C-alpha atoms as a PDB file:
ATOM      1  CA  LEU A   1     102.370 171.589 103.420  1.00  0.00           C
ATOM      2  CA  LEU A   2     104.231 168.449 104.605  1.00  0.00           C
ATOM      3  CA  PRO A   3     107.961 169.085 104.692  1.00  0.00           C
ATOM      4  CA  GLU A   4     110.351 166.196 104.265  1.00  0.00           C
ATOM      5  CA  VAL A   5     113.635 166.280 106.060  1.00  0.00           C
ATOM      6  CA  ARG A   6     116.195 163.912 104.618  1.00  0.00           C
ATOM      7  CA  PRO A   7     117.366 161.387 105.456  1.00  0.00           C
ATOM      8  CA  PHE A   8     115.121 161.082 108.478  1.00  0.00           C
ATOM      9  CA  THR A   9     111.541 161.775 107.731  1.00  0.00           C
ATOM     10  CA  ALA A  10     109.927 160.645 110.959  1.00  0.00           C
ATOM     11  CA  CYS A  11     110.317 164.097 112.477  1.00  0.00           C
ATOM     12  CA  LEU A  12     106.788 165.130 111.491  1.00  0.00           C
ATOM     13  CA  ASN A  13     104.414 165.464 114.403  1.00  0.00           C
ATOM     14  CA  GLY A  14     101.319 163.338 113.896  1.00  0.00           C
ATOM     15  CA  ASP A  15      99.113 165.644 115.888  1.00  0.00           C
ATOM     16  CA  ASP A  16     100.130 168.615 113.727  1.00  0.00           C
ATOM     17  CA  ILE A  17      99.339 166.663 110.597  1.00  0.00           C
ATOM     18  CA  LYS A  18      95.915 165.767 111.973  1.00  0.00           C
ATOM     19  CA  ASP A  19      95.372 169.448 112.953  1.00  0.00           C
ATOM     20  CA  VAL A  20      96.223 170.620 109.402  1.00  0.00           C
ATOM     21  CA  SER A  21      93.971 167.966 107.907  1.00  0.00           C
ATOM     22  CA  SER A  22      91.045 168.998 110.125  1.00  0.00           C
ATOM     23  CA  PHE A  23      91.504 172.653 109.358  1.00  0.00           C
ATOM     24  CA  ILE A  24      91.544 172.078 105.590  1.00  0.00           C
ATOM     25  CA  GLN A  25      88.474 169.813 105.765  1.00  0.00           C
ATOM     26  CA  PHE A  26      86.703 172.376 107.889  1.00  0.00           C
ATOM     27  CA  PHE A  27      87.566 175.084 105.396  1.00  0.00           C
ATOM     28  CA  PHE A  28      85.994 172.979 102.555  1.00  0.00           C
ATOM     29  CA  GLU A  29      83.119 171.555 104.631  1.00  0.00           C
ATOM     30  CA  LYS A  30      80.285 172.891 102.474  1.00  0.00           C
ATOM     31  CA  ASP A  31      81.969 171.866  99.217  1.00  0.00           C
ATOM     32  CA  LEU A  32      82.689 168.374 100.601  1.00  0.00           C
ATOM     33  CA  ALA A  33      78.994 167.944 101.558  1.00  0.00           C
ATOM     34  CA  ILE A  34      77.897 168.096  97.887  1.00  0.00           C
ATOM     35  CA  ILE A  35      80.588 165.822  96.284  1.00  0.00           C
ATOM     36  CA  PRO A  36      78.952 162.717  94.810  1.00  0.00           C
ATOM     37  CA  ALA A  37      79.710 159.338  96.287  1.00  0.00           C
ATOM     38  CA  ILE A  38      83.249 158.010  95.732  1.00  0.00           C
ATOM     39  CA  PRO A  39      83.950 154.304  95.216  1.00  0.00           C
ATOM     40  CA  PRO A  40      85.519 152.633  98.289  1.00  0.00           C
ATOM     41  CA  LYS A  41      88.430 151.247  96.293  1.00  0.00           C
ATOM     42  CA  ILE A  42      90.564 153.596  94.254  1.00  0.00           C
ATOM     43  CA  PHE A  43      93.610 153.257  92.026  1.00  0.00           C
ATOM     44  CA  VAL A  44      95.383 156.581  91.537  1.00  0.00           C
ATOM     45  CA  ASN A  45      97.121 156.456  88.197  1.00  0.00           C
ATOM     46  CA  ARG A  46      99.631 158.874  86.718  1.00  0.00           C
ATOM     47  CA  LYS A  47      98.966 157.818  83.126  1.00  0.00           C
ATOM     48  CA  LYS A  48      99.070 161.363  81.749  1.00  0.00           C
ATOM     49  CA  ALA A  49     102.187 162.469  83.662  1.00  0.00           C
ATOM     50  CA  SER A  50     105.464 163.113  81.859  1.00  0.00           C
ATOM     51  CA  CYS A  51     107.425 160.865  84.165  1.00  0.00           C
ATOM     52  CA  ARG A  52     107.120 158.306  86.914  1.00  0.00           C
ATOM     53  CA  LYS A  53     104.485 156.279  85.116  1.00  0.00           C
ATOM     54  CA  ILE A  54     103.606 152.593  85.034  1.00  0.00           C
ATOM     55  CA  VAL A  55     104.956 151.137  81.744  1.00  0.00           C
ATOM     56  CA  ASN A  56     102.614 148.164  81.910  1.00  0.00           C
ATOM     57  CA  SER A  57      99.571 150.265  82.864  1.00  0.00           C
ATOM     58  CA  ASP A  58      97.144 148.309  80.757  1.00  0.00           C
ATOM     59  CA  ALA A  59      97.821 145.106  82.622  1.00  0.00           C
ATOM     60  CA  VAL A  60      97.725 146.921  85.972  1.00  0.00           C
ATOM     61  CA  GLU A  61      94.428 148.654  85.112  1.00  0.00           C
ATOM     62  CA  HIS A  62      92.891 145.317  84.051  1.00  0.00           C
ATOM     63  CA  LEU A  63      93.913 143.736  87.350  1.00  0.00           C
ATOM     64  CA  MET A  64      92.622 146.682  89.382  1.00  0.00           C
ATOM     65  CA  LYS A  65      89.215 146.532  87.650  1.00  0.00           C
ATOM     66  CA  LYS A  66      89.065 142.781  88.337  1.00  0.00           C
ATOM     67  CA  TYR A  67      89.332 143.593  92.061  1.00  0.00           C
ATOM     68  CA  GLY A  68      86.794 146.413  91.915  1.00  0.00           C
ATOM     69  CA  TYR A  69      89.063 149.407  91.994  1.00  0.00           C
ATOM     70  CA  GLU A  70      88.028 152.685  90.245  1.00  0.00           C
ATOM     71  CA  GLU A  71      90.882 154.353  88.363  1.00  0.00           C
ATOM     72  CA  ILE A  72      91.270 158.110  89.113  1.00  0.00           C
ATOM     73  CA  ASP A  73      93.868 160.725  88.361  1.00  0.00           C
ATOM     74  CA  PHE A  74      94.387 163.417  90.975  1.00  0.00           C
ATOM     75  CA  ASP A  75      95.723 165.787  88.258  1.00  0.00           C
ATOM     76  CA  GLU A  76      92.200 165.894  86.762  1.00  0.00           C
ATOM     77  CA  MET A  77      90.502 166.611  90.114  1.00  0.00           C
ATOM     78  CA  SER A  78      89.948 169.608  92.356  1.00  0.00           C
ATOM     79  CA  VAL A  79      91.415 169.749  95.834  1.00  0.00           C
ATOM     80  CA  VAL A  80      87.943 169.121  97.194  1.00  0.00           C
ATOM     81  CA  GLN A  81      87.474 166.036  95.045  1.00  0.00           C
ATOM     82  CA  GLN A  82      90.890 164.685  96.114  1.00  0.00           C
ATOM     83  CA  ILE A  83      90.016 165.187  99.793  1.00  0.00           C
ATOM     84  CA  SER A  84      86.635 163.479  99.313  1.00  0.00           C
ATOM     85  CA  CYS A  85      88.233 160.534  97.559  1.00  0.00           C
ATOM     86  CA  MET A  86      90.675 159.938 100.352  1.00  0.00           C
ATOM     87  CA  ARG A  87      88.076 160.523 103.120  1.00  0.00           C
ATOM     88  CA  ASN A  88      85.768 157.921 101.675  1.00  0.00           C
ATOM     89  CA  ALA A  89      88.203 155.325 100.344  1.00  0.00           C
ATOM     90  CA  LYS A  90      88.655 152.047 102.114  1.00  0.00           C
ATOM     91  CA  ASN A  91      91.454 150.709  99.876  1.00  0.00           C
ATOM     92  CA  VAL A  92      93.879 152.944  97.848  1.00  0.00           C
ATOM     93  CA  VAL A  93      96.636 151.909  95.499  1.00  0.00           C
ATOM     94  CA  MET A  94      98.971 154.666  94.199  1.00  0.00           C
ATOM     95  CA  LEU A  95     102.436 155.366  92.985  1.00  0.00           C
ATOM     96  CA  HIS A  96     104.991 156.983  95.261  1.00  0.00           C
ATOM     97  CA  GLY A  97     104.805 160.704  94.818  1.00  0.00           C
ATOM     98  CA  ALA A  98     103.296 164.006  95.967  1.00  0.00           C
ATOM     99  CA  GLY A  99      99.729 162.876  95.425  1.00  0.00           C
ATOM    100  CA  MET A 100     100.226 160.538  98.401  1.00  0.00           C
ATOM    101  CA  THR A 101     100.113 163.551 100.669  1.00  0.00           C
ATOM    102  CA  ASN A 102      96.371 163.228 100.278  1.00  0.00           C
ATOM    103  CA  MET A 103      96.560 160.452 102.836  1.00  0.00           C
ATOM    104  CA  MET A 104      96.336 163.154 105.484  1.00  0.00           C
ATOM    105  CA  PHE A 105      92.571 163.043 104.635  1.00  0.00           C
ATOM    106  CA  ALA A 106      92.232 159.301 104.829  1.00  0.00           C
ATOM    107  CA  SER A 107      90.049 157.633 107.413  1.00  0.00           C
ATOM    108  CA  PRO A 108      91.672 155.420 110.031  1.00  0.00           C
ATOM    109  CA  LYS A 109      91.984 151.788 108.888  1.00  0.00           C
ATOM    110  CA  THR A 110      92.163 152.851 105.188  1.00  0.00           C
ATOM    111  CA  LYS A 111      94.376 150.341 103.472  1.00  0.00           C
ATOM    112  CA  VAL A 112      97.082 152.018 101.368  1.00  0.00           C
ATOM    113  CA  LEU A 113      99.408 150.252  98.956  1.00  0.00           C
ATOM    114  CA  GLU A 114     102.299 152.336  97.671  1.00  0.00           C
ATOM    115  CA  LEU A 115     103.992 151.383  94.434  1.00  0.00           C
ATOM    116  CA  MET A 116     107.574 152.462  94.931  1.00  0.00           C
ATOM    117  CA  HIS A 117     110.672 152.323  92.713  1.00  0.00           C
ATOM    118  CA  GLU A 118     113.452 149.897  93.577  1.00  0.00           C
ATOM    119  CA  TYR A 119     116.235 152.375  94.044  1.00  0.00           C
ATOM    120  CA  THR A 120     119.866 151.556  93.483  1.00  0.00           C
ATOM    121  CA  GLU A 121     120.954 152.961  96.865  1.00  0.00           C
ATOM    122  CA  PRO A 122     119.187 151.956 100.042  1.00  0.00           C
ATOM    123  CA  ARG A 123     119.672 155.473 101.424  1.00  0.00           C
ATOM    124  CA  THR A 124     117.505 156.872  98.629  1.00  0.00           C
ATOM    125  CA  TYR A 125     114.269 155.134  99.845  1.00  0.00           C
ATOM    126  CA  ARG A 126     111.750 157.664 101.031  1.00  0.00           C
ATOM    127  CA  PHE A 127     109.325 156.375 103.597  1.00  0.00           C
ATOM    128  CA  ILE A 128     107.568 159.666 104.348  1.00  0.00           C
ATOM    129  CA  TYR A 129     104.268 158.182 103.176  1.00  0.00           C
ATOM    130  CA  TRP A 130     104.637 155.173 105.396  1.00  0.00           C
ATOM    131  CA  PHE A 131     105.075 157.606 108.259  1.00  0.00           C
ATOM    132  CA  LEU A 132     102.081 159.721 107.223  1.00  0.00           C
ATOM    133  CA  SER A 133     100.006 156.564 106.867  1.00  0.00           C
ATOM    134  CA  VAL A 134     100.855 155.460 110.379  1.00  0.00           C
ATOM    135  CA  GLN A 135     100.098 158.905 111.745  1.00  0.00           C
ATOM    136  CA  MET A 136      96.641 158.822 110.088  1.00  0.00           C
ATOM    137  CA  GLY A 137      95.884 155.355 111.389  1.00  0.00           C
ATOM    138  CA  CYS A 138      96.002 153.687 107.963  1.00  0.00           C
ATOM    139  CA  ASP A 139      97.185 150.204 107.182  1.00  0.00           C
ATOM    140  CA  TYR A 140     100.230 150.688 104.959  1.00  0.00           C
ATOM    141  CA  TYR A 141     101.583 148.314 102.371  1.00  0.00           C
ATOM    142  CA  VAL A 142     104.412 148.857  99.873  1.00  0.00           C
ATOM    143  CA  GLN A 143     105.329 147.029  96.696  1.00  0.00           C
ATOM    144  CA  PHE A 144     108.800 147.739  95.218  1.00  0.00           C
ATOM    145  CA  CYS A 145     108.756 147.868  91.459  1.00  0.00           C
ATOM    146  CA  LYS A 146     111.422 147.522  88.844  1.00  0.00           C
ATOM    147  CA  THR A 147     112.803 150.874  87.640  1.00  0.00           C
ATOM    148  CA  ILE A 148     112.821 151.362  83.904  1.00  0.00           C
ATOM    149  CA  ASP A 149     115.610 153.468  82.518  1.00  0.00           C
ATOM    150  CA  THR A 150     113.491 156.155  80.830  1.00  0.00           C
ATOM    151  CA  HIS A 151     115.175 159.123  82.451  1.00  0.00           C
ATOM    152  CA  SER A 152     118.648 160.063  83.629  1.00  0.00           C
ATOM    153  CA  ASP A 153     117.232 161.338  86.929  1.00  0.00           C
ATOM    154  CA  GLU A 154     116.478 158.323  89.134  1.00  0.00           C
ATOM    155  CA  TRP A 155     113.510 160.119  90.741  1.00  0.00           C
ATOM    156  CA  ARG A 156     111.786 160.491  87.315  1.00  0.00           C
ATOM    157  CA  LYS A 157     112.098 156.964  86.013  1.00  0.00           C
ATOM    158  CA  ASP A 158     109.048 154.893  85.112  1.00  0.00           C
ATOM    159  CA  ILE A 159     108.299 151.612  86.800  1.00  0.00           C
ATOM    160  CA  LEU A 160     107.279 148.122  85.771  1.00  0.00           C
ATOM    161  CA  VAL A 161     104.741 146.668  88.205  1.00  0.00           C
ATOM    162  CA  ASP A 162     104.962 142.884  88.772  1.00  0.00           C
ATOM    163  CA  VAL A 163     101.342 142.119  88.188  1.00  0.00           C
ATOM    164  CA  ASP A 164     101.403 138.729  89.929  1.00  0.00           C
ATOM    165  CA  LYS A 165     102.903 140.333  93.029  1.00  0.00           C
ATOM    166  CA  LEU A 166     100.384 143.074  92.817  1.00  0.00           C
ATOM    167  CA  GLU A 167      97.509 140.579  92.740  1.00  0.00           C
ATOM    168  CA  ASN A 168      98.933 138.805  95.763  1.00  0.00           C
ATOM    169  CA  ASN A 169      99.188 142.154  97.585  1.00  0.00           C
ATOM    170  CA  LEU A 170      95.568 143.048  96.755  1.00  0.00           C
ATOM    171  CA  ILE A 171      94.426 139.689  98.112  1.00  0.00           C
ATOM    172  CA  LEU A 172      96.449 140.300 101.240  1.00  0.00           C
ATOM    173  CA  MET A 173      94.824 143.653 101.679  1.00  0.00           C
ATOM    174  CA  GLU A 174      91.361 142.194 101.167  1.00  0.00           C
ATOM    175  CA  GLN A 175      92.029 139.502 103.730  1.00  0.00           C
ATOM    176  CA  SER A 176      93.422 141.744 106.465  1.00  0.00           C
ATOM    177  CA  ILE A 177      91.059 142.912 109.116  1.00  0.00           C
END
């Protein structure tokens, strides 16, 4: 749905992304009308995934609850539920990955914090979700996290989130207008 052209990902046309988003939301309009209310702050966790997980997820989950975030897992949700989550969220914290394409359904001014691996090569950073965030009018934040050597493939490694840095970033998100 959203192609990525490496190494330059800023070739996506923002109007095209918005048109696709509008079309999909129109297609699911009746289903979206009956979805129950979604909390305004969501933390999208990948706890059940086989790779690219947060190794200190208990500490991160505790902090997220402290700041009023509801933990969700897109893998356990229908497409309509995922769209509804992003349409109604005001603050979103999530790991770098395909689930972030749901930002195409976010409302303008949604605050998005991406937890991203610290890669060994600067050329391997992928900022497609920053670009998508900008195109959708969201306020984008990124926190680079220590990569844990759990897989030979750098793209599949788990991360260790600096919880103190995360708390500071949550406070910055709360304070921004």
